[in-house]
Structure formats: C-alpha cells, structure tokens
Amino acid sequence: MTNEQPDGDEGTVTVRVVAAVVFDDEKVLACRRKPDKAAGGLWEFPGGKIESGESPQEALVREIREELGTTVLVDSELSTDTTVVDGLAIQLACFRTSLAGPKPEQSLDHDQLLWIPLSDLGRLEWARPDLPAVRRLVDSVRS
C-alpha cells in the first residue's frame, strides 16, 4: 500500500499520516510547527507520513525517533479522521502512546514542545488535521 492514493472521480489525493498522543501523567505532548514548515506556527501531535510497507505503528515509532530523538510505546488508536487541506485529503490516525525513552527537549520540525493538560488543549491553535482528535480528547475530560 502506498502512502498517497487517488480518491474516486475528484482526483483528490489521500496522504496517510500518523500522530502520537504522548501521555505523561495527566499531560500530553503538543508540538508547534516551525514557521518555515507547512502549517507553520500551528500546534500538532508529533508524527508523519506512513511509508510504503510500514504499518501505522511502525511509521509512528520511526517518525518519533527521527523528529524527537526518543522512543514511544504505541498503545491503542484514538481516532482516524480525514481532513482536506489545500486539495490534499489528510487521513490522520492518532495513537495513544507513552515514552519508552527520554523526554524530548527539541524537534526537527517544531520550534516549541509543550506538556499540557488535556483540559487545556483547546487553548492552542491547532493544525486542521489534528482538530478532531483534540476535540475528542477535550470532550473525554468533560464527560
């Protein structure tokens, strides 16, 4: 299975990506995209594209190691949502994870890392593909 797949008659391309919702006690890791990157200045859960031949979980472990220089243990899938951004359909699968290595202090793609309580996630300005997962996480705290 390739990462980018044409969808139906419209010719929209779907990009399959994964993100880690890294839990540490009652907080999760939010990362702000560097200004020179796509969605610069917006917050996201760290992760990236699924490469050909990778499972979502394998892609997530690889991406976190590359971006944040640490290792995560992948637990359950929290959500999968598709969001169209600039003509691309981004299918984002978010997974509950925990750190198996040191807490990250820097990132290749982000200029700020923040450990934030679930109840405060809505205070950040998130990239559109991450918003459905953010809403679910915030709603889970309210219920």
C-alpha atoms as a PDB file:
ATOM      1  CA  MET A   1       0.000   0.000   0.000  1.00  0.00           C
ATOM      2  CA  THR A   2       1.401   3.395  -0.923  1.00  0.00           C
ATOM      3  CA  ASN A   3       1.148   6.486   1.201  1.00  0.00           C
ATOM      4  CA  GLU A   4      -0.588   8.616  -1.419  1.00  0.00           C
ATOM      5  CA  GLN A   5      -3.698   7.242  -3.077  1.00  0.00           C
ATOM      6  CA  PRO A   6      -6.046   8.891  -5.590  1.00  0.00           C
ATOM      7  CA  ASP A   7      -9.648   9.103  -4.387  1.00  0.00           C
ATOM      8  CA  GLY A   8     -12.551   8.472  -6.711  1.00  0.00           C
ATOM      9  CA  ASP A   9     -13.608  10.774  -9.517  1.00  0.00           C
ATOM     10  CA  GLU A  10     -12.441  14.048  -7.988  1.00  0.00           C
ATOM     11  CA  GLY A  11      -8.751  13.156  -8.279  1.00  0.00           C
ATOM     12  CA  THR A  12      -8.137  14.139  -4.661  1.00  0.00           C
ATOM     13  CA  VAL A  13      -5.008  12.505  -3.268  1.00  0.00           C
ATOM     14  CA  THR A  14      -5.119  10.976   0.210  1.00  0.00           C
ATOM     15  CA  VAL A  15      -1.971  11.199   2.311  1.00  0.00           C
ATOM     16  CA  ARG A  16      -1.847   8.690   5.174  1.00  0.00           C
ATOM     17  CA  VAL A  17      -0.202  10.066   8.302  1.00  0.00           C
ATOM     18  CA  VAL A  18       0.080   9.080  11.950  1.00  0.00           C
ATOM     19  CA  ALA A  19       0.421  11.086  15.134  1.00  0.00           C
ATOM     20  CA  ALA A  20       1.422  10.236  18.680  1.00  0.00           C
ATOM     21  CA  VAL A  21      -0.652  11.499  21.559  1.00  0.00           C
ATOM     22  CA  VAL A  22       2.143  11.066  24.093  1.00  0.00           C
ATOM     23  CA  PHE A  23       0.793  10.783  27.623  1.00  0.00           C
ATOM     24  CA  ASP A  24       2.867  11.601  30.702  1.00  0.00           C
ATOM     25  CA  ASP A  25       0.775  11.542  33.877  1.00  0.00           C
ATOM     26  CA  GLU A  26      -2.158  13.877  33.208  1.00  0.00           C
ATOM     27  CA  LYS A  27      -0.473  15.770  30.368  1.00  0.00           C
ATOM     28  CA  VAL A  28       0.123  15.201  26.651  1.00  0.00           C
ATOM     29  CA  LEU A  29       2.816  16.486  24.308  1.00  0.00           C
ATOM     30  CA  ALA A  30       1.877  19.258  21.878  1.00  0.00           C
ATOM     31  CA  CYS A  31       4.380  20.479  19.281  1.00  0.00           C
ATOM     32  CA  ARG A  32       4.356  23.818  17.421  1.00  0.00           C
ATOM     33  CA  ARG A  33       5.383  23.676  13.755  1.00  0.00           C
ATOM     34  CA  LYS A  34       8.401  25.772  12.787  1.00  0.00           C
ATOM     35  CA  PRO A  35       7.411  28.900  10.821  1.00  0.00           C
ATOM     36  CA  ASP A  36       9.075  27.674   7.609  1.00  0.00           C
ATOM     37  CA  LYS A  37       7.119  24.370   7.592  1.00  0.00           C
ATOM     38  CA  ALA A  38       3.633  23.653   6.262  1.00  0.00           C
ATOM     39  CA  ALA A  39       1.121  24.780   8.920  1.00  0.00           C
ATOM     40  CA  GLY A  40       3.910  26.859  10.483  1.00  0.00           C
ATOM     41  CA  GLY A  41       3.060  28.282  13.902  1.00  0.00           C
ATOM     42  CA  LEU A  42       0.224  25.820  14.490  1.00  0.00           C
ATOM     43  CA  TRP A  43       0.217  23.070  17.095  1.00  0.00           C
ATOM     44  CA  GLU A  44       0.043  19.366  16.328  1.00  0.00           C
ATOM     45  CA  PHE A  45       0.675  15.962  17.778  1.00  0.00           C
ATOM     46  CA  PRO A  46       4.076  14.721  16.528  1.00  0.00           C
ATOM     47  CA  GLY A  47       4.240  12.147  13.748  1.00  0.00           C
ATOM     48  CA  GLY A  48       4.367  11.990   9.986  1.00  0.00           C
ATOM     49  CA  LYS A  49       3.733  10.083   6.786  1.00  0.00           C
ATOM     50  CA  ILE A  50       3.387   6.335   6.590  1.00  0.00           C
ATOM     51  CA  GLU A  51       5.992   4.971   4.171  1.00  0.00           C
ATOM     52  CA  SER A  52       5.246   2.155   1.742  1.00  0.00           C
ATOM     53  CA  GLY A  53       5.359  -1.213   3.523  1.00  0.00           C
ATOM     54  CA  GLU A  54       5.049   0.249   7.030  1.00  0.00           C
ATOM     55  CA  SER A  55       2.231  -0.340   9.466  1.00  0.00           C
ATOM     56  CA  PRO A  56       0.877   2.821  11.114  1.00  0.00           C
ATOM     57  CA  GLN A  57       2.517   1.775  14.383  1.00  0.00           C
ATOM     58  CA  GLU A  58       5.914   1.213  12.724  1.00  0.00           C
ATOM     59  CA  ALA A  59       5.663   4.592  10.997  1.00  0.00           C
ATOM     60  CA  LEU A  60       4.849   6.290  14.280  1.00  0.00           C
ATOM     61  CA  VAL A  61       7.820   4.797  16.127  1.00  0.00           C
ATOM     62  CA  ARG A  62      10.119   5.776  13.218  1.00  0.00           C
ATOM     63  CA  GLU A  63       8.763   9.325  12.954  1.00  0.00           C
ATOM     64  CA  ILE A  64       9.061   9.999  16.699  1.00  0.00           C
ATOM     65  CA  ARG A  65      12.631   8.681  16.713  1.00  0.00           C
ATOM     66  CA  GLU A  66      13.507  10.904  13.712  1.00  0.00           C
ATOM     67  CA  GLU A  67      11.688  14.059  14.857  1.00  0.00           C
ATOM     68  CA  LEU A  68      12.119  13.958  18.621  1.00  0.00           C
ATOM     69  CA  GLY A  69      15.081  11.642  19.189  1.00  0.00           C
ATOM     70  CA  THR A  70      13.180   9.365  21.549  1.00  0.00           C
ATOM     71  CA  THR A  71      11.156   6.176  21.527  1.00  0.00           C
ATOM     72  CA  VAL A  72       7.463   5.657  22.202  1.00  0.00           C
ATOM     73  CA  LEU A  73       5.375   2.629  23.021  1.00  0.00           C
ATOM     74  CA  VAL A  74       2.281   2.611  20.813  1.00  0.00           C
ATOM     75  CA  ASP A  75      -0.938   1.680  22.571  1.00  0.00           C
ATOM     76  CA  SER A  76      -4.467   1.970  21.198  1.00  0.00           C
ATOM     77  CA  GLU A  77      -5.727   4.024  18.274  1.00  0.00           C
ATOM     78  CA  LEU A  78      -7.608   7.099  19.497  1.00  0.00           C
ATOM     79  CA  SER A  79      -9.044   8.292  16.203  1.00  0.00           C
ATOM     80  CA  THR A  80      -8.735   8.328  12.439  1.00  0.00           C
ATOM     81  CA  ASP A  81     -10.108  11.324  10.576  1.00  0.00           C
ATOM     82  CA  THR A  82      -9.698  12.716   7.072  1.00  0.00           C
ATOM     83  CA  THR A  83      -9.353  16.471   6.584  1.00  0.00           C
ATOM     84  CA  VAL A  84      -8.940  18.197   3.218  1.00  0.00           C
ATOM     85  CA  VAL A  85      -6.225  20.851   3.314  1.00  0.00           C
ATOM     86  CA  ASP A  86      -5.141  22.701   0.159  1.00  0.00           C
ATOM     87  CA  GLY A  87      -6.633  19.991  -2.078  1.00  0.00           C
ATOM     88  CA  LEU A  88      -4.995  17.103  -0.190  1.00  0.00           C
ATOM     89  CA  ALA A  89      -7.051  14.679   1.872  1.00  0.00           C
ATOM     90  CA  ILE A  90      -5.009  14.050   5.013  1.00  0.00           C
ATOM     91  CA  GLN A  91      -6.006  10.830   6.739  1.00  0.00           C
ATOM     92  CA  LEU A  92      -4.627  11.186  10.252  1.00  0.00           C
ATOM     93  CA  ALA A  93      -4.567   8.229  12.641  1.00  0.00           C
ATOM     94  CA  CYS A  94      -3.808   9.290  16.213  1.00  0.00           C
ATOM     95  CA  PHE A  95      -2.498   6.733  18.684  1.00  0.00           C
ATOM     96  CA  ARG A  96      -2.228   6.796  22.451  1.00  0.00           C
ATOM     97  CA  THR A  97       1.476   6.415  23.271  1.00  0.00           C
ATOM     98  CA  SER A  98       3.855   6.628  26.199  1.00  0.00           C
ATOM     99  CA  LEU A  99       7.550   7.394  26.355  1.00  0.00           C
ATOM    100  CA  ALA A 100       9.983   4.480  26.327  1.00  0.00           C
ATOM    101  CA  GLY A 101      12.952   6.844  26.114  1.00  0.00           C
ATOM    102  CA  PRO A 102      13.903  10.257  27.486  1.00  0.00           C
ATOM    103  CA  LYS A 103      11.514  13.202  27.376  1.00  0.00           C
ATOM    104  CA  PRO A 104      12.147  15.096  24.154  1.00  0.00           C
ATOM    105  CA  GLU A 105      13.663  18.545  24.519  1.00  0.00           C
ATOM    106  CA  GLN A 106      13.816  19.575  20.851  1.00  0.00           C
ATOM    107  CA  SER A 107      12.408  18.618  17.467  1.00  0.00           C
ATOM    108  CA  LEU A 108      13.485  18.762  13.848  1.00  0.00           C
ATOM    109  CA  ASP A 109      10.072  20.064  12.715  1.00  0.00           C
ATOM    110  CA  HIS A 110       8.917  22.080  15.720  1.00  0.00           C
ATOM    111  CA  ASP A 111      10.101  25.222  17.484  1.00  0.00           C
ATOM    112  CA  GLN A 112       8.295  24.547  20.741  1.00  0.00           C
ATOM    113  CA  LEU A 113       7.326  21.457  22.747  1.00  0.00           C
ATOM    114  CA  LEU A 114       4.708  21.741  25.471  1.00  0.00           C
ATOM    115  CA  TRP A 115       3.395  19.242  28.013  1.00  0.00           C
ATOM    116  CA  ILE A 116      -0.197  20.336  28.504  1.00  0.00           C
ATOM    117  CA  PRO A 117      -3.195  19.032  30.480  1.00  0.00           C
ATOM    118  CA  LEU A 118      -5.928  17.517  28.286  1.00  0.00           C
ATOM    119  CA  SER A 119      -8.383  20.129  29.559  1.00  0.00           C
ATOM    120  CA  ASP A 120      -6.161  22.921  28.151  1.00  0.00           C
ATOM    121  CA  LEU A 121      -5.687  21.508  24.625  1.00  0.00           C
ATOM    122  CA  GLY A 122      -8.434  23.770  23.266  1.00  0.00           C
ATOM    123  CA  ARG A 123      -6.427  26.863  24.225  1.00  0.00           C
ATOM    124  CA  LEU A 124      -3.842  26.223  21.494  1.00  0.00           C
ATOM    125  CA  GLU A 125      -4.226  26.988  17.794  1.00  0.00           C
ATOM    126  CA  TRP A 126      -4.112  23.535  16.180  1.00  0.00           C
ATOM    127  CA  ALA A 127      -3.420  22.418  12.616  1.00  0.00           C
ATOM    128  CA  ARG A 128      -6.729  21.409  10.992  1.00  0.00           C
ATOM    129  CA  PRO A 129      -5.996  17.657  10.686  1.00  0.00           C
ATOM    130  CA  ASP A 130      -5.403  17.422  14.464  1.00  0.00           C
ATOM    131  CA  LEU A 131      -8.609  19.225  15.471  1.00  0.00           C
ATOM    132  CA  PRO A 132     -10.948  16.174  15.517  1.00  0.00           C
ATOM    133  CA  ALA A 133      -8.607  14.304  17.875  1.00  0.00           C
ATOM    134  CA  VAL A 134      -8.177  17.397  20.058  1.00  0.00           C
ATOM    135  CA  ARG A 135     -11.966  17.764  20.340  1.00  0.00           C
ATOM    136  CA  ARG A 136     -12.341  14.101  21.330  1.00  0.00           C
ATOM    137  CA  LEU A 137      -9.627  14.368  23.969  1.00  0.00           C
ATOM    138  CA  VAL A 138     -11.097  17.572  25.450  1.00  0.00           C
ATOM    139  CA  ASP A 139     -14.594  16.027  25.429  1.00  0.00           C
ATOM    140  CA  SER A 140     -13.241  12.936  27.227  1.00  0.00           C
ATOM    141  CA  VAL A 141     -12.150  15.148  30.115  1.00  0.00           C
ATOM    142  CA  ARG A 142     -15.549  16.854  30.334  1.00  0.00           C
ATOM    143  CA  SER A 143     -17.550  13.612  30.477  1.00  0.00           C
END
